[in-house]
C-alpha atoms as a PDB file:
ATOM      1  CA  MET A   1      86.926 100.854  95.239  1.00  0.00           C
ATOM      2  CA  GLU A   2      85.463 103.720  94.165  1.00  0.00           C
ATOM      3  CA  GLU A   3      84.354 104.947  97.157  1.00  0.00           C
ATOM      4  CA  SER A   4      87.966 104.025  98.545  1.00  0.00           C
ATOM      5  CA  SER A   5      89.749 105.923  95.640  1.00  0.00           C
ATOM      6  CA  GLN A   6      87.368 109.273  96.820  1.00  0.00           C
ATOM      7  CA  GLU A   7      87.847 108.698 101.010  1.00  0.00           C
ATOM      8  CA  ILE A   8      91.694 108.418  99.470  1.00  0.00           C
ATOM      9  CA  THR A   9      91.823 111.616  98.060  1.00  0.00           C
ATOM     10  CA  GLN A  10      89.360 113.742 100.681  1.00  0.00           C
ATOM     11  CA  LEU A  11      91.635 112.424 103.522  1.00  0.00           C
ATOM     12  CA  LEU A  12      94.824 113.560 101.197  1.00  0.00           C
ATOM     13  CA  GLY A  13      93.070 116.989 101.313  1.00  0.00           C
ATOM     14  CA  ALA A  14      92.203 116.707 104.730  1.00  0.00           C
ATOM     15  CA  MET A  15      96.270 116.678 105.101  1.00  0.00           C
ATOM     16  CA  ARG A  16      97.012 119.227 103.305  1.00  0.00           C
ATOM     17  CA  ASP A  17      94.386 121.303 105.040  1.00  0.00           C
ATOM     18  CA  GLY A  18      96.541 120.387 108.267  1.00  0.00           C
ATOM     19  CA  ASP A  19      94.117 117.663 109.791  1.00  0.00           C
ATOM     20  CA  THR A  20      96.317 115.843 112.086  1.00  0.00           C
ATOM     21  CA  ASN A  21      94.360 112.655 112.050  1.00  0.00           C
ATOM     22  CA  ALA A  22      93.722 112.356 108.240  1.00  0.00           C
ATOM     23  CA  ARG A  23      96.953 110.193 108.129  1.00  0.00           C
ATOM     24  CA  GLU A  24      95.988 107.571 110.828  1.00  0.00           C
ATOM     25  CA  ARG A  25      92.847 107.225 109.057  1.00  0.00           C
ATOM     26  CA  LEU A  26      94.718 107.365 105.726  1.00  0.00           C
ATOM     27  CA  VAL A  27      96.677 104.035 106.408  1.00  0.00           C
ATOM     28  CA  PRO A  28      93.913 101.280 106.874  1.00  0.00           C
ATOM     29  CA  LEU A  29      92.943 102.411 103.143  1.00  0.00           C
ATOM     30  CA  LEU A  30      96.573 102.982 101.327  1.00  0.00           C
ATOM     31  CA  TYR A  31      97.843  99.604 103.159  1.00  0.00           C
ATOM     32  CA  PRO A  32      96.093  96.938 101.037  1.00  0.00           C
ATOM     33  CA  GLU A  33      96.404  98.832  97.775  1.00  0.00           C
ATOM     34  CA  LEU A  34     100.066  99.682  98.825  1.00  0.00           C
ATOM     35  CA  ARG A  35     100.806  95.768  99.458  1.00  0.00           C
ATOM     36  CA  ARG A  36      99.439  95.109  96.268  1.00  0.00           C
ATOM     37  CA  LEU A  37     101.454  96.971  94.146  1.00  0.00           C
ATOM     38  CA  ALA A  38     104.402  96.018  96.650  1.00  0.00           C
ATOM     39  CA  ALA A  39     102.937  92.033  95.448  1.00  0.00           C
ATOM     40  CA  TYR A  40     102.811  93.073  91.953  1.00  0.00           C
ATOM     41  CA  TYR A  41     106.859  94.427  91.376  1.00  0.00           C
ATOM     42  CA  MET A  42     107.722  91.469  93.877  1.00  0.00           C
ATOM     43  CA  ARG A  43     105.909  88.649  91.220  1.00  0.00           C
ATOM     44  CA  ARG A  44     108.707  90.366  88.737  1.00  0.00           C
ATOM     45  CA  GLU A  45     111.557  89.475  90.380  1.00  0.00           C
ATOM     46  CA  GLN A  46     113.544  86.324  90.361  1.00  0.00           C
ATOM     47  CA  PRO A  47     112.441  83.789  93.107  1.00  0.00           C
ATOM     48  CA  GLY A  48     114.463  84.056  96.114  1.00  0.00           C
ATOM     49  CA  HIS A  49     114.485  87.468  96.334  1.00  0.00           C
ATOM     50  CA  THR A  50     115.652  88.907 100.066  1.00  0.00           C
ATOM     51  CA  LEU A  51     112.770  91.890 100.136  1.00  0.00           C
ATOM     52  CA  GLN A  52     109.297  90.403 100.390  1.00  0.00           C
ATOM     53  CA  ALA A  53     106.592  92.369  99.793  1.00  0.00           C
ATOM     54  CA  THR A  54     105.299  93.921 102.951  1.00  0.00           C
ATOM     55  CA  ALA A  55     109.118  94.774 103.850  1.00  0.00           C
ATOM     56  CA  LEU A  56     108.674  96.643 100.494  1.00  0.00           C
ATOM     57  CA  VAL A  57     105.645  98.453 101.511  1.00  0.00           C
ATOM     58  CA  HIS A  58     106.813  99.354 105.289  1.00  0.00           C
ATOM     59  CA  GLU A  59     110.174 100.562 102.968  1.00  0.00           C
ATOM     60  CA  ALA A  60     108.383 102.373 100.891  1.00  0.00           C
ATOM     61  CA  TYR A  61     105.421 104.103 104.050  1.00  0.00           C
ATOM     62  CA  LEU A  62     109.090 105.432 105.724  1.00  0.00           C
ATOM     63  CA  LYS A  63     109.814 106.861 102.287  1.00  0.00           C
ATOM     64  CA  LEU A  64     106.414 108.529 101.850  1.00  0.00           C
ATOM     65  CA  VAL A  65     105.792 109.618 105.270  1.00  0.00           C
ATOM     66  CA  ALA A  66     109.129 111.837 104.599  1.00  0.00           C
ATOM     67  CA  HIS A  67     107.155 113.874 102.171  1.00  0.00           C
ATOM     68  CA  PRO A  68     105.344 117.012 103.122  1.00  0.00           C
ATOM     69  CA  ALA A  69     101.403 116.452 103.657  1.00  0.00           C
ATOM     70  CA  ASP A  70     100.981 119.033 100.517  1.00  0.00           C
ATOM     71  CA  SER A  71     102.677 116.808  98.461  1.00  0.00           C
ATOM     72  CA  TRP A  72      99.957 114.656  96.998  1.00  0.00           C
ATOM     73  CA  GLN A  73      97.100 116.068  94.819  1.00  0.00           C
ATOM     74  CA  ASN A  74      95.058 112.896  95.355  1.00  0.00           C
ATOM     75  CA  ARG A  75      94.764 108.841  95.351  1.00  0.00           C
ATOM     76  CA  ALA A  76      96.606 108.648  91.912  1.00  0.00           C
ATOM     77  CA  HIS A  77      98.981 111.509  92.026  1.00  0.00           C
ATOM     78  CA  PHE A  78     100.211 109.284  95.633  1.00  0.00           C
ATOM     79  CA  PHE A  79     100.426 105.888  93.636  1.00  0.00           C
ATOM     80  CA  ALA A  80     102.247 107.466  91.218  1.00  0.00           C
ATOM     81  CA  THR A  81     105.001 109.315  94.565  1.00  0.00           C
ATOM     82  CA  ALA A  82     104.516 105.080  95.560  1.00  0.00           C
ATOM     83  CA  ALA A  83     105.481 103.422  92.779  1.00  0.00           C
ATOM     84  CA  GLN A  84     108.596 105.501  91.894  1.00  0.00           C
ATOM     85  CA  VAL A  85     109.833 104.970  95.543  1.00  0.00           C
ATOM     86  CA  MET A  86     109.049 101.465  94.952  1.00  0.00           C
ATOM     87  CA  ARG A  87     110.755 101.305  92.042  1.00  0.00           C
ATOM     88  CA  ARG A  88     113.635 102.916  93.287  1.00  0.00           C
ATOM     89  CA  ILE A  89     114.132 100.542  96.197  1.00  0.00           C
ATOM     90  CA  LEU A  90     114.281  97.468  94.015  1.00  0.00           C
ATOM     91  CA  VAL A  91     116.273  99.211  91.447  1.00  0.00           C
ATOM     92  CA  ASP A  92     118.990  99.834  94.032  1.00  0.00           C
ATOM     93  CA  GLN A  93     118.902  96.427  95.881  1.00  0.00           C
ATOM     94  CA  ALA A  94     119.529  95.056  92.491  1.00  0.00           C
ATOM     95  CA  ARG A  95     122.206  97.248  91.348  1.00  0.00           C
ATOM     96  CA  ALA A  96     123.597  96.206  95.423  1.00  0.00           C
ATOM     97  CA  ARG A  97     123.358  92.338  94.305  1.00  0.00           C
ATOM     98  CA  LYS A  98     125.008  93.166  91.067  1.00  0.00           C
ATOM     99  CA  ALA A  99     127.653  95.128  92.712  1.00  0.00           C
ATOM    100  CA  GLU A 100     128.407  92.201  95.133  1.00  0.00           C
ATOM    101  CA  LYS A 101     128.557  89.384  92.049  1.00  0.00           C
ATOM    102  CA  ARG A 102     131.114  91.180  90.687  1.00  0.00           C
ATOM    103  CA  GLY A 103     133.249  91.569  94.069  1.00  0.00           C
ATOM    104  CA  GLY A 104     133.807  95.112  94.221  1.00  0.00           C
ATOM    105  CA  GLU A 105     132.124  98.339  94.908  1.00  0.00           C
ATOM    106  CA  MET A 106     129.242  99.664  93.101  1.00  0.00           C
ATOM    107  CA  GLN A 107     129.638 101.273  89.488  1.00  0.00           C
ATOM    108  CA  PRO A 108     127.475 103.274  87.873  1.00  0.00           C
ATOM    109  CA  LEU A 109     126.255 101.109  84.930  1.00  0.00           C
ATOM    110  CA  ALA A 110     125.450 102.246  81.847  1.00  0.00           C
ATOM    111  CA  LEU A 111     122.324 100.939  79.390  1.00  0.00           C
ATOM    112  CA  ASP A 112     124.978  99.125  77.627  1.00  0.00           C
ATOM    113  CA  GLU A 113     126.042  97.302  80.871  1.00  0.00           C
ATOM    114  CA  ALA A 114     122.994  96.020  81.906  1.00  0.00           C
ATOM    115  CA  LEU A 115     121.715  94.913  79.086  1.00  0.00           C
ATOM    116  CA  ALA A 116     125.363  92.803  78.803  1.00  0.00           C
ATOM    117  CA  SER A 117     124.915  91.759  81.983  1.00  0.00           C
ATOM    118  CA  ALA A 118     120.979  90.083  81.533  1.00  0.00           C
ATOM    119  CA  GLY A 119     123.000  86.746  80.929  1.00  0.00           C
ATOM    120  CA  GLU A 120     123.954  86.830  84.959  1.00  0.00           C
ATOM    121  CA  LYS A 121     119.896  86.063  85.278  1.00  0.00           C
ATOM    122  CA  GLU A 122     119.893  89.448  86.976  1.00  0.00           C
ATOM    123  CA  PRO A 123     116.087  90.486  86.703  1.00  0.00           C
ATOM    124  CA  ASP A 124     115.302  93.317  83.552  1.00  0.00           C
ATOM    125  CA  LEU A 125     114.792  96.124  86.348  1.00  0.00           C
ATOM    126  CA  VAL A 126     117.955  97.359  86.074  1.00  0.00           C
ATOM    127  CA  ALA A 127     118.103  97.637  82.456  1.00  0.00           C
ATOM    128  CA  LEU A 128     114.633  99.093  82.079  1.00  0.00           C
ATOM    129  CA  ASP A 129     115.641 102.158  84.964  1.00  0.00           C
ATOM    130  CA  ASP A 130     118.885 102.453  83.013  1.00  0.00           C
ATOM    131  CA  ALA A 131     116.183 102.932  79.594  1.00  0.00           C
ATOM    132  CA  LEU A 132     113.882 104.744  81.168  1.00  0.00           C
ATOM    133  CA  ASN A 133     116.634 107.254  82.435  1.00  0.00           C
ATOM    134  CA  ALA A 134     117.726 107.575  78.884  1.00  0.00           C
ATOM    135  CA  LEU A 135     114.281 108.420  77.744  1.00  0.00           C
ATOM    136  CA  GLN A 136     113.805 111.082  80.671  1.00  0.00           C
ATOM    137  CA  LYS A 137     116.863 112.796  79.124  1.00  0.00           C
ATOM    138  CA  ILE A 138     115.138 112.674  75.487  1.00  0.00           C
ATOM    139  CA  ASN A 139     111.100 113.354  76.796  1.00  0.00           C
ATOM    140  CA  VAL A 140     110.280 113.787  80.570  1.00  0.00           C
ATOM    141  CA  ARG A 141     106.428 113.109  80.220  1.00  0.00           C
ATOM    142  CA  GLN A 142     107.125 109.871  78.144  1.00  0.00           C
ATOM    143  CA  SER A 143     109.164 108.124  80.980  1.00  0.00           C
ATOM    144  CA  ARG A 144     107.040 109.291  83.236  1.00  0.00           C
ATOM    145  CA  VAL A 145     103.830 107.597  81.483  1.00  0.00           C
ATOM    146  CA  VAL A 146     105.987 104.591  81.581  1.00  0.00           C
ATOM    147  CA  GLU A 147     106.610 105.122  85.212  1.00  0.00           C
ATOM    148  CA  LEU A 148     102.899 105.520  86.246  1.00  0.00           C
ATOM    149  CA  ARG A 149     101.569 102.739  83.812  1.00  0.00           C
ATOM    150  CA  PHE A 150     103.805 100.278  84.543  1.00  0.00           C
ATOM    151  CA  PHE A 151     105.678 100.481  87.725  1.00  0.00           C
ATOM    152  CA  ALA A 152     102.370 102.109  89.455  1.00  0.00           C
ATOM    153  CA  GLY A 153      99.770 100.278  87.240  1.00  0.00           C
ATOM    154  CA  LEU A 154      97.371 103.359  86.816  1.00  0.00           C
ATOM    155  CA  SER A 155      94.785 103.353  84.290  1.00  0.00           C
ATOM    156  CA  ILE A 156      94.735 105.945  80.987  1.00  0.00           C
ATOM    157  CA  GLU A 157      92.538 108.724  82.920  1.00  0.00           C
ATOM    158  CA  GLU A 158      94.753 108.377  86.369  1.00  0.00           C
ATOM    159  CA  ILE A 159      97.526 109.171  84.023  1.00  0.00           C
ATOM    160  CA  ALA A 160      95.853 112.241  81.875  1.00  0.00           C
ATOM    161  CA  GLU A 161      95.140 113.372  85.821  1.00  0.00           C
ATOM    162  CA  VAL A 162      98.598 113.085  87.277  1.00  0.00           C
ATOM    163  CA  LEU A 163     100.678 114.574  84.395  1.00  0.00           C
ATOM    164  CA  GLY A 164      97.570 117.161  83.669  1.00  0.00           C
ATOM    165  CA  VAL A 165      97.351 116.237  79.458  1.00  0.00           C
ATOM    166  CA  SER A 166      94.903 114.372  78.052  1.00  0.00           C
ATOM    167  CA  GLU A 167      94.182 110.972  77.822  1.00  0.00           C
ATOM    168  CA  VAL A 168      94.625 110.840  73.686  1.00  0.00           C
ATOM    169  CA  THR A 169      97.835 112.045  74.483  1.00  0.00           C
ATOM    170  CA  VAL A 170      98.520 109.777  77.600  1.00  0.00           C
ATOM    171  CA  LYS A 171      98.053 107.276  74.567  1.00  0.00           C
ATOM    172  CA  ARG A 172      99.748 108.202  72.365  1.00  0.00           C
ATOM    173  CA  ASP A 173     103.283 108.532  75.055  1.00  0.00           C
ATOM    174  CA  TRP A 174     102.662 105.087  76.101  1.00  0.00           C
ATOM    175  CA  SER A 175     102.839 103.830  72.846  1.00  0.00           C
ATOM    176  CA  VAL A 176     105.852 105.744  71.503  1.00  0.00           C
ATOM    177  CA  ALA A 177     107.740 105.075  74.906  1.00  0.00           C
ATOM    178  CA  ARG A 178     106.969 101.435  74.819  1.00  0.00           C
ATOM    179  CA  ALA A 179     108.374 101.143  70.992  1.00  0.00           C
ATOM    180  CA  TRP A 180     111.322 103.452  71.823  1.00  0.00           C
ATOM    181  CA  LEU A 181     112.127 101.086  75.755  1.00  0.00           C
ATOM    182  CA  HIS A 182     111.842  98.426  73.615  1.00  0.00           C
ATOM    183  CA  ARG A 183     114.395  99.415  70.931  1.00  0.00           C
ATOM    184  CA  GLU A 184     116.711 100.626  73.613  1.00  0.00           C
ATOM    185  CA  ILE A 185     116.796  97.323  75.425  1.00  0.00           C
ATOM    186  CA  ARG A 186     116.996  94.985  72.565  1.00  0.00           C
ATOM    187  CA  ARG A 187     119.671  96.818  71.382  1.00  0.00           C
ATOM    188  CA  GLY A 188     121.713  95.763  74.131  1.00  0.00           C
ATOM    189  CA  GLU A 189     121.328  91.700  73.284  1.00  0.00           C
END
């Protein structure tokens, strides 16, 4: 895994430097990790979800390749972006399903409305997304830490590297943000 991580970082660097073949060599290394990340997301979804892990990977990959090659500094940064893209895809689908259930056009949901609809057996993803968006208005870094840890599955060390802060800061932000999110989500119950 460590060798693969270093190779991914090197190939991302080669892409930044203009190596046109780097992307082709990168895909076979990225695909298994993207598939693992997508499978992790899909395990959290309700059974019978219309989107499968492979389709999530493919949709996310199409969005990721639209980014300029110099967007990613290293493997951790790439997977942080991938997690963000997958989260957006799943949240957009969850919102669309809720809109269909209500029989009308999709309306933006406030955190309280999303939490109130939890009795409809929808996944918590929409409520979590709304709470994360609220947290982002208060503390952007804490919101990013949650996103990178929870959604991307990055380690404390990788998050510190991506955000350019110490591991102690990441641990503190993770702890505070989890408590804040838990309180916000419970407030609506």
